[in-house]
N, C-alpha and C. Protein backbone atom coordinates (compact mmCIF):
# COMPACT_ATOMS: atom_id res chain seq x y z
N UNK A 1 14.54 5.57 26.66
CA UNK A 1 15.48 4.84 25.84
C UNK A 1 15.50 5.48 24.45
N UNK A 2 16.66 5.69 23.90
CA UNK A 2 16.84 6.27 22.58
C UNK A 2 17.49 5.23 21.68
N UNK A 3 16.90 5.04 20.52
CA UNK A 3 17.45 4.11 19.53
C UNK A 3 18.08 4.91 18.41
N UNK A 4 19.36 4.73 18.20
CA UNK A 4 20.05 5.37 17.09
C UNK A 4 20.18 4.33 16.00
N UNK A 5 19.29 4.37 15.04
CA UNK A 5 19.27 3.37 14.00
C UNK A 5 18.74 3.96 12.70
N UNK A 6 19.11 3.33 11.59
CA UNK A 6 18.57 3.75 10.30
C UNK A 6 17.38 2.89 9.90
N UNK A 7 17.04 1.93 10.73
CA UNK A 7 15.90 1.05 10.44
C UNK A 7 14.60 1.82 10.59
N UNK A 8 13.63 1.59 9.69
CA UNK A 8 12.34 2.26 9.82
C UNK A 8 11.62 1.83 11.10
N UNK A 9 10.79 2.71 11.59
CA UNK A 9 10.03 2.46 12.81
C UNK A 9 9.23 1.16 12.72
N UNK A 10 8.66 0.89 11.53
CA UNK A 10 7.82 -0.29 11.34
C UNK A 10 8.60 -1.59 11.54
N UNK A 11 9.91 -1.57 11.26
CA UNK A 11 10.72 -2.78 11.43
C UNK A 11 11.08 -3.02 12.89
N UNK A 12 11.19 -1.98 13.65
CA UNK A 12 11.54 -2.12 15.06
C UNK A 12 10.31 -2.46 15.89
N UNK A 13 9.20 -1.78 15.60
CA UNK A 13 7.94 -2.01 16.30
C UNK A 13 6.87 -2.40 15.29
N UNK A 14 6.84 -3.67 14.87
CA UNK A 14 5.86 -4.07 13.85
C UNK A 14 4.44 -4.05 14.40
N UNK A 15 3.51 -3.66 13.52
CA UNK A 15 2.10 -3.66 13.87
C UNK A 15 1.54 -5.07 13.76
N UNK A 16 0.44 -5.28 14.42
CA UNK A 16 -0.26 -6.55 14.30
C UNK A 16 -0.83 -6.64 12.89
N UNK A 17 -0.54 -7.71 12.18
CA UNK A 17 -0.96 -7.84 10.78
C UNK A 17 -2.47 -7.86 10.65
N UNK A 18 -3.19 -8.36 11.64
CA UNK A 18 -4.63 -8.43 11.54
C UNK A 18 -5.28 -7.09 11.87
N UNK A 19 -4.62 -6.24 12.61
CA UNK A 19 -5.18 -4.94 12.96
C UNK A 19 -5.14 -3.99 11.77
N UNK A 20 -4.24 -4.22 10.85
CA UNK A 20 -4.11 -3.36 9.69
C UNK A 20 -4.87 -3.96 8.52
N UNK A 21 -5.63 -3.14 7.81
CA UNK A 21 -6.37 -3.64 6.66
C UNK A 21 -5.76 -3.12 5.36
N UNK A 22 -4.45 -2.84 5.38
CA UNK A 22 -3.77 -2.36 4.18
C UNK A 22 -3.45 -3.52 3.25
N UNK A 23 -3.52 -3.23 1.97
CA UNK A 23 -3.22 -4.22 0.95
C UNK A 23 -2.18 -3.66 0.00
N UNK A 24 -1.33 -4.52 -0.52
CA UNK A 24 -0.38 -4.13 -1.54
C UNK A 24 -1.06 -4.29 -2.89
N UNK A 25 -1.24 -3.18 -3.61
CA UNK A 25 -1.92 -3.21 -4.90
C UNK A 25 -1.03 -2.55 -5.94
N UNK A 26 -1.38 -2.73 -7.19
CA UNK A 26 -0.69 -2.07 -8.29
C UNK A 26 -1.73 -1.30 -9.08
N UNK A 27 -1.53 0.00 -9.24
CA UNK A 27 -2.43 0.86 -9.99
C UNK A 27 -1.64 1.49 -11.12
N UNK A 28 -1.98 1.15 -12.36
CA UNK A 28 -1.26 1.62 -13.55
C UNK A 28 0.25 1.40 -13.44
N UNK A 29 0.64 0.27 -12.86
CA UNK A 29 2.05 -0.07 -12.73
C UNK A 29 2.74 0.56 -11.54
N UNK A 30 2.00 1.25 -10.69
CA UNK A 30 2.58 1.90 -9.51
C UNK A 30 2.23 1.05 -8.28
N UNK A 31 3.23 0.49 -7.58
CA UNK A 31 2.92 -0.30 -6.38
C UNK A 31 2.54 0.62 -5.22
N UNK A 32 1.43 0.28 -4.56
CA UNK A 32 0.89 1.11 -3.49
C UNK A 32 0.45 0.26 -2.31
N UNK A 33 0.51 0.83 -1.11
CA UNK A 33 -0.20 0.30 0.04
C UNK A 33 -1.49 1.08 0.12
N UNK A 34 -2.62 0.39 0.20
CA UNK A 34 -3.90 1.06 0.22
C UNK A 34 -4.85 0.34 1.17
N UNK A 35 -5.81 1.10 1.69
CA UNK A 35 -6.86 0.55 2.56
C UNK A 35 -8.14 0.45 1.75
N UNK A 36 -8.78 -0.71 1.81
CA UNK A 36 -10.03 -0.90 1.08
C UNK A 36 -11.18 -0.25 1.83
N UNK A 37 -11.96 0.55 1.11
CA UNK A 37 -13.18 1.16 1.65
C UNK A 37 -14.26 1.01 0.60
N UNK A 38 -15.22 0.14 0.87
CA UNK A 38 -16.30 -0.18 -0.06
C UNK A 38 -15.72 -0.68 -1.38
N UNK A 39 -15.99 0.01 -2.50
CA UNK A 39 -15.51 -0.44 -3.81
C UNK A 39 -14.30 0.36 -4.29
N UNK A 40 -13.63 1.04 -3.39
CA UNK A 40 -12.48 1.83 -3.78
C UNK A 40 -11.38 1.68 -2.74
N UNK A 41 -10.22 2.21 -3.05
CA UNK A 41 -9.06 2.13 -2.16
C UNK A 41 -8.59 3.53 -1.79
N UNK A 42 -8.15 3.68 -0.56
CA UNK A 42 -7.54 4.93 -0.10
C UNK A 42 -6.03 4.70 -0.05
N UNK A 43 -5.27 5.52 -0.79
CA UNK A 43 -3.82 5.37 -0.87
C UNK A 43 -3.19 5.74 0.47
N UNK A 44 -2.35 4.85 0.99
CA UNK A 44 -1.65 5.09 2.24
C UNK A 44 -0.18 5.40 1.98
N UNK A 45 0.42 4.64 1.05
CA UNK A 45 1.86 4.78 0.82
C UNK A 45 2.21 4.35 -0.59
N UNK A 46 3.14 5.07 -1.22
CA UNK A 46 3.64 4.71 -2.54
C UNK A 46 4.94 3.93 -2.34
N UNK A 47 5.07 2.81 -3.03
CA UNK A 47 6.23 1.94 -2.86
C UNK A 47 7.13 1.91 -4.09
N UNK A 48 7.06 2.91 -4.93
CA UNK A 48 7.81 2.92 -6.18
C UNK A 48 9.19 3.54 -6.00
N UNK A 49 10.10 3.17 -6.89
CA UNK A 49 11.43 3.79 -6.91
C UNK A 49 11.52 4.86 -7.99
N UNK A 50 10.46 5.04 -8.76
CA UNK A 50 10.42 6.05 -9.81
C UNK A 50 9.96 7.39 -9.23
N UNK A 51 10.80 8.43 -9.25
CA UNK A 51 10.42 9.72 -8.68
C UNK A 51 9.19 10.34 -9.34
N UNK A 52 8.93 10.02 -10.59
CA UNK A 52 7.76 10.58 -11.28
C UNK A 52 6.46 10.09 -10.65
N UNK A 53 6.45 8.90 -10.08
CA UNK A 53 5.23 8.38 -9.44
C UNK A 53 4.83 9.21 -8.23
N UNK A 54 5.80 9.79 -7.54
CA UNK A 54 5.51 10.60 -6.36
C UNK A 54 4.92 11.95 -6.73
N UNK A 55 5.08 12.37 -7.98
CA UNK A 55 4.53 13.64 -8.44
C UNK A 55 3.12 13.48 -9.01
N UNK A 56 2.66 12.25 -9.16
CA UNK A 56 1.33 11.98 -9.69
C UNK A 56 0.29 12.25 -8.60
N UNK A 57 -0.52 13.28 -8.79
CA UNK A 57 -1.51 13.67 -7.78
C UNK A 57 -2.64 12.65 -7.62
N UNK A 58 -2.85 11.78 -8.61
CA UNK A 58 -3.91 10.78 -8.52
C UNK A 58 -3.61 9.71 -7.49
N UNK A 59 -2.32 9.49 -7.17
CA UNK A 59 -1.96 8.46 -6.20
C UNK A 59 -1.29 9.05 -4.97
N UNK A 60 -1.51 10.30 -4.71
CA UNK A 60 -0.96 10.92 -3.50
C UNK A 60 -1.63 10.30 -2.27
N UNK A 61 -0.91 10.12 -1.18
CA UNK A 61 -1.54 9.55 0.01
C UNK A 61 -2.78 10.35 0.43
N UNK A 62 -3.84 9.58 0.70
CA UNK A 62 -5.12 10.18 1.06
C UNK A 62 -6.11 10.20 -0.08
N UNK A 63 -5.64 10.02 -1.32
CA UNK A 63 -6.53 10.00 -2.48
C UNK A 63 -7.24 8.67 -2.58
N UNK A 64 -8.43 8.68 -3.17
CA UNK A 64 -9.19 7.47 -3.40
C UNK A 64 -9.06 7.07 -4.85
N UNK A 65 -8.82 5.76 -5.08
CA UNK A 65 -8.71 5.23 -6.43
C UNK A 65 -9.59 3.98 -6.53
N UNK A 66 -9.91 3.61 -7.76
CA UNK A 66 -10.65 2.36 -7.97
C UNK A 66 -9.86 1.51 -8.95
N UNK A 67 -9.97 0.21 -8.80
CA UNK A 67 -9.21 -0.70 -9.66
C UNK A 67 -10.04 -1.15 -10.82
């Protein structure tokens, strides 16, 4: 079956909310999805509309940050 849609994959096939340990956080005004690991967070996704936030290497996906 092929789906021709502009909807993101996550909206068509949502994950179980309890299986995911991602949290919506704000780091220096940048909204992020991050996974908590001990006392720090691992950046999963940037949710900003500002293109400059995507160029910031400190919040690139896979980086660890602390709040």
